[in-house]
């Protein structure tokens, strides 16, 4: 998942991201290292926070924008 890449490029610490999304910093760390998988609600929260698509977060596309069908 591109979470760490997005977080660092936006200048957001793990703690700030955790606080903004009402999560635990340890959970953010585990999502970034891949030792924990995000559920749908968490993926949506990350996508909305960084204004990217879930497919971009999951590295299914290199296009961060939402695609209209």
PDB file of N, CA and C in Angstrom:
ATOM      1  N   UNK A   1       0.844  -1.173   0.000  1.00  0.00           N
ATOM      2  CA  UNK A   1       0.000   0.000   0.000  1.00  0.00           C
ATOM      3  C   UNK A   1       0.892   1.240   0.000  1.00  0.00           C
ATOM      4  N   UNK A   2       0.432   2.276  -0.653  1.00  0.00           N
ATOM      5  CA  UNK A   2       1.190   3.517  -0.792  1.00  0.00           C
ATOM      6  C   UNK A   2       0.996   4.478   0.377  1.00  0.00           C
ATOM      7  N   UNK A   3       0.496   4.018   1.456  1.00  0.00           N
ATOM      8  CA  UNK A   3       0.173   4.903   2.570  1.00  0.00           C
ATOM      9  C   UNK A   3       1.382   5.696   3.046  1.00  0.00           C
ATOM     10  N   UNK A   4       2.489   5.035   3.283  1.00  0.00           N
ATOM     11  CA  UNK A   4       3.679   5.719   3.791  1.00  0.00           C
ATOM     12  C   UNK A   4       4.176   6.759   2.792  1.00  0.00           C
ATOM     13  N   UNK A   5       4.204   6.387   1.529  1.00  0.00           N
ATOM     14  CA  UNK A   5       4.637   7.303   0.474  1.00  0.00           C
ATOM     15  C   UNK A   5       3.769   8.568   0.452  1.00  0.00           C
ATOM     16  N   UNK A   6       2.460   8.394   0.515  1.00  0.00           N
ATOM     17  CA  UNK A   6       1.544   9.534   0.531  1.00  0.00           C
ATOM     18  C   UNK A   6       1.729  10.376   1.781  1.00  0.00           C
ATOM     19  N   UNK A   7       1.817   9.712   2.907  1.00  0.00           N
ATOM     20  CA  UNK A   7       1.951  10.423   4.181  1.00  0.00           C
ATOM     21  C   UNK A   7       3.211  11.290   4.191  1.00  0.00           C
ATOM     22  N   UNK A   8       4.323  10.715   3.780  1.00  0.00           N
ATOM     23  CA  UNK A   8       5.590  11.454   3.793  1.00  0.00           C
ATOM     24  C   UNK A   8       5.569  12.588   2.770  1.00  0.00           C
ATOM     25  N   UNK A   9       5.038  12.325   1.578  1.00  0.00           N
ATOM     26  CA  UNK A   9       5.011  13.365   0.538  1.00  0.00           C
ATOM     27  C   UNK A   9       4.136  14.552   0.942  1.00  0.00           C
ATOM     28  N   UNK A  10       3.171  14.317   1.811  1.00  0.00           N
ATOM     29  CA  UNK A  10       2.293  15.400   2.279  1.00  0.00           C
ATOM     30  C   UNK A  10       2.782  16.015   3.593  1.00  0.00           C
ATOM     31  N   UNK A  11       3.886  15.496   4.119  1.00  0.00           N
ATOM     32  CA  UNK A  11       4.438  16.047   5.348  1.00  0.00           C
ATOM     33  C   UNK A  11       3.612  15.761   6.581  1.00  0.00           C
ATOM     34  N   UNK A  12       2.962  14.604   6.607  1.00  0.00           N
ATOM     35  CA  UNK A  12       2.092  14.222   7.724  1.00  0.00           C
ATOM     36  C   UNK A  12       2.783  13.118   8.527  1.00  0.00           C
ATOM     37  N   UNK A  13       2.859  13.298   9.829  1.00  0.00           N
ATOM     38  CA  UNK A  13       3.451  12.265  10.687  1.00  0.00           C
ATOM     39  C   UNK A  13       2.441  11.144  10.922  1.00  0.00           C
ATOM     40  N   UNK A  14       2.942  10.006  11.346  1.00  0.00           N
ATOM     41  CA  UNK A  14       2.042   8.904  11.704  1.00  0.00           C
ATOM     42  C   UNK A  14       1.088   9.335  12.805  1.00  0.00           C
ATOM     43  N   UNK A  15       1.602  10.072  13.766  1.00  0.00           N
ATOM     44  CA  UNK A  15       0.769  10.507  14.885  1.00  0.00           C
ATOM     45  C   UNK A  15      -0.339  11.449  14.413  1.00  0.00           C
ATOM     46  N   UNK A  16      -0.004  12.411  13.551  1.00  0.00           N
ATOM     47  CA  UNK A  16      -1.026  13.343  13.051  1.00  0.00           C
ATOM     48  C   UNK A  16      -2.087  12.595  12.255  1.00  0.00           C
ATOM     49  N   UNK A  17      -1.662  11.686  11.394  1.00  0.00           N
ATOM     50  CA  UNK A  17      -2.620  10.910  10.617  1.00  0.00           C
ATOM     51  C   UNK A  17      -3.535  10.112  11.543  1.00  0.00           C
ATOM     52  N   UNK A  18      -2.943   9.479  12.533  1.00  0.00           N
ATOM     53  CA  UNK A  18      -3.727   8.697  13.492  1.00  0.00           C
ATOM     54  C   UNK A  18      -4.734   9.582  14.234  1.00  0.00           C
ATOM     55  N   UNK A  19      -4.293  10.733  14.689  1.00  0.00           N
ATOM     56  CA  UNK A  19      -5.192  11.638  15.404  1.00  0.00           C
ATOM     57  C   UNK A  19      -6.302  12.169  14.496  1.00  0.00           C
ATOM     58  N   UNK A  20      -5.936  12.548  13.263  1.00  0.00           N
ATOM     59  CA  UNK A  20      -6.926  13.085  12.329  1.00  0.00           C
ATOM     60  C   UNK A  20      -7.991  12.063  11.973  1.00  0.00           C
ATOM     61  N   UNK A  21      -7.606  10.779  11.925  1.00  0.00           N
ATOM     62  CA  UNK A  21      -8.545   9.729  11.543  1.00  0.00           C
ATOM     63  C   UNK A  21      -9.067   8.926  12.734  1.00  0.00           C
ATOM     64  N   UNK A  22      -8.768   9.422  13.940  1.00  0.00           N
ATOM     65  CA  UNK A  22      -9.226   8.759  15.165  1.00  0.00           C
ATOM     66  C   UNK A  22      -8.776   7.300  15.212  1.00  0.00           C
ATOM     67  N   UNK A  23      -7.483   7.107  14.944  1.00  0.00           N
ATOM     68  CA  UNK A  23      -6.879   5.780  14.959  1.00  0.00           C
ATOM     69  C   UNK A  23      -5.702   5.781  15.925  1.00  0.00           C
ATOM     70  N   UNK A  24      -5.079   4.638  16.033  1.00  0.00           N
ATOM     71  CA  UNK A  24      -3.915   4.460  16.866  1.00  0.00           C
ATOM     72  C   UNK A  24      -2.664   4.548  15.997  1.00  0.00           C
ATOM     73  N   UNK A  25      -1.610   5.204  16.482  1.00  0.00           N
ATOM     74  CA  UNK A  25      -0.375   5.325  15.711  1.00  0.00           C
ATOM     75  C   UNK A  25       0.218   3.957  15.374  1.00  0.00           C
ATOM     76  N   UNK A  26       0.103   3.013  16.274  1.00  0.00           N
ATOM     77  CA  UNK A  26       0.616   1.671  16.007  1.00  0.00           C
ATOM     78  C   UNK A  26      -0.105   1.024  14.826  1.00  0.00           C
ATOM     79  N   UNK A  27      -1.382   1.286  14.694  1.00  0.00           N
ATOM     80  CA  UNK A  27      -2.135   0.752  13.551  1.00  0.00           C
ATOM     81  C   UNK A  27      -1.617   1.345  12.247  1.00  0.00           C
ATOM     82  N   UNK A  28      -1.367   2.647  12.237  1.00  0.00           N
ATOM     83  CA  UNK A  28      -0.824   3.297  11.044  1.00  0.00           C
ATOM     84  C   UNK A  28       0.500   2.653  10.668  1.00  0.00           C
ATOM     85  N   UNK A  29       1.357   2.441  11.645  1.00  0.00           N
ATOM     86  CA  UNK A  29       2.654   1.808  11.397  1.00  0.00           C
ATOM     87  C   UNK A  29       2.480   0.420  10.803  1.00  0.00           C
ATOM     88  N   UNK A  30       1.557  -0.343  11.336  1.00  0.00           N
ATOM     89  CA  UNK A  30       1.326  -1.707  10.837  1.00  0.00           C
ATOM     90  C   UNK A  30       0.753  -1.708   9.422  1.00  0.00           C
ATOM     91  N   UNK A  31      -0.118  -0.741   9.106  1.00  0.00           N
ATOM     92  CA  UNK A  31      -0.623  -0.630   7.738  1.00  0.00           C
ATOM     93  C   UNK A  31       0.539  -0.323   6.787  1.00  0.00           C
ATOM     94  N   UNK A  32       1.423   0.566   7.212  1.00  0.00           N
ATOM     95  CA  UNK A  32       2.546   0.960   6.358  1.00  0.00           C
ATOM     96  C   UNK A  32       3.539  -0.171   6.130  1.00  0.00           C
ATOM     97  N   UNK A  33       3.752  -0.992   7.103  1.00  0.00           N
ATOM     98  CA  UNK A  33       4.710  -2.093   6.946  1.00  0.00           C
ATOM     99  C   UNK A  33       4.082  -3.334   6.325  1.00  0.00           C
ATOM    100  N   UNK A  34       2.768  -3.341   6.222  1.00  0.00           N
ATOM    101  CA  UNK A  34       2.084  -4.486   5.641  1.00  0.00           C
ATOM    102  C   UNK A  34       1.815  -5.601   6.625  1.00  0.00           C
ATOM    103  N   UNK A  35       2.081  -5.369   7.895  1.00  0.00           N
ATOM    104  CA  UNK A  35       1.805  -6.407   8.888  1.00  0.00           C
ATOM    105  C   UNK A  35       0.330  -6.424   9.294  1.00  0.00           C
ATOM    106  N   UNK A  36      -0.420  -5.426   8.816  1.00  0.00           N
ATOM    107  CA  UNK A  36      -1.864  -5.378   9.056  1.00  0.00           C
ATOM    108  C   UNK A  36      -2.552  -4.908   7.788  1.00  0.00           C
ATOM    109  N   UNK A  37      -3.681  -5.535   7.453  1.00  0.00           N
ATOM    110  CA  UNK A  37      -4.458  -5.160   6.273  1.00  0.00           C
ATOM    111  C   UNK A  37      -5.596  -4.227   6.677  1.00  0.00           C
ATOM    112  N   UNK A  38      -5.777  -3.167   5.901  1.00  0.00           N
ATOM    113  CA  UNK A  38      -6.854  -2.219   6.173  1.00  0.00           C
ATOM    114  C   UNK A  38      -8.192  -2.778   5.708  1.00  0.00           C
ATOM    115  N   UNK A  39      -9.236  -2.573   6.505  1.00  0.00           N
ATOM    116  CA  UNK A  39     -10.579  -2.965   6.089  1.00  0.00           C
ATOM    117  C   UNK A  39     -11.144  -1.879   5.156  1.00  0.00           C
ATOM    118  N   UNK A  40     -12.344  -2.114   4.629  1.00  0.00           N
ATOM    119  CA  UNK A  40     -12.928  -1.179   3.675  1.00  0.00           C
ATOM    120  C   UNK A  40     -13.089   0.225   4.247  1.00  0.00           C
ATOM    121  N   UNK A  41     -13.586   0.321   5.456  1.00  0.00           N
ATOM    122  CA  UNK A  41     -13.798   1.638   6.065  1.00  0.00           C
ATOM    123  C   UNK A  41     -12.489   2.390   6.224  1.00  0.00           C
ATOM    124  N   UNK A  42     -11.442   1.678   6.586  1.00  0.00           N
ATOM    125  CA  UNK A  42     -10.131   2.308   6.761  1.00  0.00           C
ATOM    126  C   UNK A  42      -9.564   2.740   5.420  1.00  0.00           C
ATOM    127  N   UNK A  43      -9.703   1.904   4.399  1.00  0.00           N
ATOM    128  CA  UNK A  43      -9.241   2.282   3.064  1.00  0.00           C
ATOM    129  C   UNK A  43      -9.960   3.536   2.570  1.00  0.00           C
ATOM    130  N   UNK A  44     -11.261   3.593   2.803  1.00  0.00           N
ATOM    131  CA  UNK A  44     -12.024   4.775   2.405  1.00  0.00           C
ATOM    132  C   UNK A  44     -11.524   6.005   3.159  1.00  0.00           C
ATOM    133  N   UNK A  45     -11.272   5.868   4.443  1.00  0.00           N
ATOM    134  CA  UNK A  45     -10.779   6.990   5.242  1.00  0.00           C
ATOM    135  C   UNK A  45      -9.430   7.488   4.718  1.00  0.00           C
ATOM    136  N   UNK A  46      -8.520   6.570   4.401  1.00  0.00           N
ATOM    137  CA  UNK A  46      -7.211   6.958   3.857  1.00  0.00           C
ATOM    138  C   UNK A  46      -7.376   7.644   2.505  1.00  0.00           C
ATOM    139  N   UNK A  47      -8.205   7.085   1.640  1.00  0.00           N
ATOM    140  CA  UNK A  47      -8.414   7.648   0.305  1.00  0.00           C
ATOM    141  C   UNK A  47      -9.003   9.055   0.396  1.00  0.00           C
ATOM    142  N   UNK A  48      -9.974   9.239   1.264  1.00  0.00           N
ATOM    143  CA  UNK A  48     -10.575  10.560   1.426  1.00  0.00           C
ATOM    144  C   UNK A  48      -9.593  11.553   2.039  1.00  0.00           C
ATOM    145  N   UNK A  49      -8.824  11.110   2.997  1.00  0.00           N
ATOM    146  CA  UNK A  49      -7.848  11.983   3.668  1.00  0.00           C
ATOM    147  C   UNK A  49      -6.822  12.516   2.674  1.00  0.00           C
ATOM    148  N   UNK A  50      -6.310  11.639   1.821  1.00  0.00           N
ATOM    149  CA  UNK A  50      -5.272  12.025   0.867  1.00  0.00           C
ATOM    150  C   UNK A  50      -5.835  12.389  -0.511  1.00  0.00           C
ATOM    151  N   UNK A  51      -7.169  12.320  -0.662  1.00  0.00           N
ATOM    152  CA  UNK A  51      -7.835  12.660  -1.905  1.00  0.00           C
ATOM    153  C   UNK A  51      -7.290  11.859  -3.090  1.00  0.00           C
ATOM    154  N   UNK A  52      -7.213  10.555  -2.895  1.00  0.00           N
ATOM    155  CA  UNK A  52      -6.776   9.630  -3.947  1.00  0.00           C
ATOM    156  C   UNK A  52      -7.779   8.479  -4.020  1.00  0.00           C
ATOM    157  N   UNK A  53      -7.668   7.700  -5.074  1.00  0.00           N
ATOM    158  CA  UNK A  53      -8.554   6.546  -5.206  1.00  0.00           C
ATOM    159  C   UNK A  53      -8.034   5.379  -4.367  1.00  0.00           C
ATOM    160  N   UNK A  54      -8.918   4.484  -4.027  1.00  0.00           N
ATOM    161  CA  UNK A  54      -8.517   3.279  -3.300  1.00  0.00           C
ATOM    162  C   UNK A  54      -7.609   2.423  -4.176  1.00  0.00           C
ATOM    163  N   UNK A  55      -7.874   2.382  -5.472  1.00  0.00           N
ATOM    164  CA  UNK A  55      -6.997   1.632  -6.372  1.00  0.00           C
ATOM    165  C   UNK A  55      -5.572   2.180  -6.327  1.00  0.00           C
ATOM    166  N   UNK A  56      -5.434   3.485  -6.215  1.00  0.00           N
ATOM    167  CA  UNK A  56      -4.101   4.077  -6.110  1.00  0.00           C
ATOM    168  C   UNK A  56      -3.434   3.656  -4.797  1.00  0.00           C
ATOM    169  N   UNK A  57      -4.184   3.700  -3.712  1.00  0.00           N
ATOM    170  CA  UNK A  57      -3.650   3.265  -2.416  1.00  0.00           C
ATOM    171  C   UNK A  57      -3.159   1.825  -2.470  1.00  0.00           C
ATOM    172  N   UNK A  58      -3.908   0.980  -3.160  1.00  0.00           N
ATOM    173  CA  UNK A  58      -3.595  -0.447  -3.220  1.00  0.00           C
ATOM    174  C   UNK A  58      -2.626  -0.795  -4.353  1.00  0.00           C
ATOM    175  N   UNK A  59      -2.104   0.246  -5.022  1.00  0.00           N
ATOM    176  CA  UNK A  59      -1.126   0.086  -6.099  1.00  0.00           C
ATOM    177  C   UNK A  59      -1.679  -0.686  -7.298  1.00  0.00           C
ATOM    178  N   UNK A  60      -2.979  -0.556  -7.515  1.00  0.00           N
ATOM    179  CA  UNK A  60      -3.603  -1.181  -8.689  1.00  0.00           C
ATOM    180  C   UNK A  60      -3.520  -0.263  -9.899  1.00  0.00           C
ATOM    181  N   UNK A  61      -3.195   1.008  -9.662  1.00  0.00           N
ATOM    182  CA  UNK A  61      -3.015   1.993 -10.723  1.00  0.00           C
ATOM    183  C   UNK A  61      -1.989   3.019 -10.260  1.00  0.00           C
ATOM    184  N   UNK A  62      -1.370   3.686 -11.214  1.00  0.00           N
ATOM    185  CA  UNK A  62      -0.452   4.771 -10.892  1.00  0.00           C
ATOM    186  C   UNK A  62      -1.137   6.124 -10.995  1.00  0.00           C
ATOM    187  N   UNK A  63      -2.423   6.108 -11.324  1.00  0.00           N
ATOM    188  CA  UNK A  63      -3.208   7.330 -11.435  1.00  0.00           C
ATOM    189  C   UNK A  63      -3.916   7.570 -10.105  1.00  0.00           C
ATOM    190  N   UNK A  64      -3.542   8.622  -9.374  1.00  0.00           N
ATOM    191  CA  UNK A  64      -4.143   8.858  -8.049  1.00  0.00           C
ATOM    192  C   UNK A  64      -5.566   9.396  -8.081  1.00  0.00           C
ATOM    193  N   UNK A  65      -6.038   9.817  -9.244  1.00  0.00           N
ATOM    194  CA  UNK A  65      -7.373  10.435  -9.305  1.00  0.00           C
ATOM    195  C   UNK A  65      -8.451   9.371  -9.434  1.00  0.00           C
ATOM    196  N   UNK A  66      -9.648   9.788  -9.102  1.00  0.00           N
ATOM    197  CA  UNK A  66     -10.815   8.914  -9.233  1.00  0.00           C
ATOM    198  C   UNK A  66     -11.173   8.800 -10.700  1.00  0.00           C
ATOM    199  N   UNK A  67     -11.553   7.634 -11.114  1.00  0.00           N
ATOM    200  CA  UNK A  67     -11.939   7.415 -12.507  1.00  0.00           C
ATOM    201  C   UNK A  67     -13.456   7.315 -12.603  1.00  0.00           C
ATOM    202  N   UNK A  68     -14.041   8.150 -13.447  1.00  0.00           N
ATOM    203  CA  UNK A  68     -15.485   8.106 -13.658  1.00  0.00           C
ATOM    204  C   UNK A  68     -15.810   7.062 -14.697  1.00  0.00           C
ATOM    205  N   UNK A  69     -16.887   6.357 -14.474  1.00  0.00           N
ATOM    206  CA  UNK A  69     -17.302   5.326 -15.439  1.00  0.00           C
ATOM    207  C   UNK A  69     -18.509   5.767 -16.203  1.00  0.00           C
TER     208      UNK A  69
END
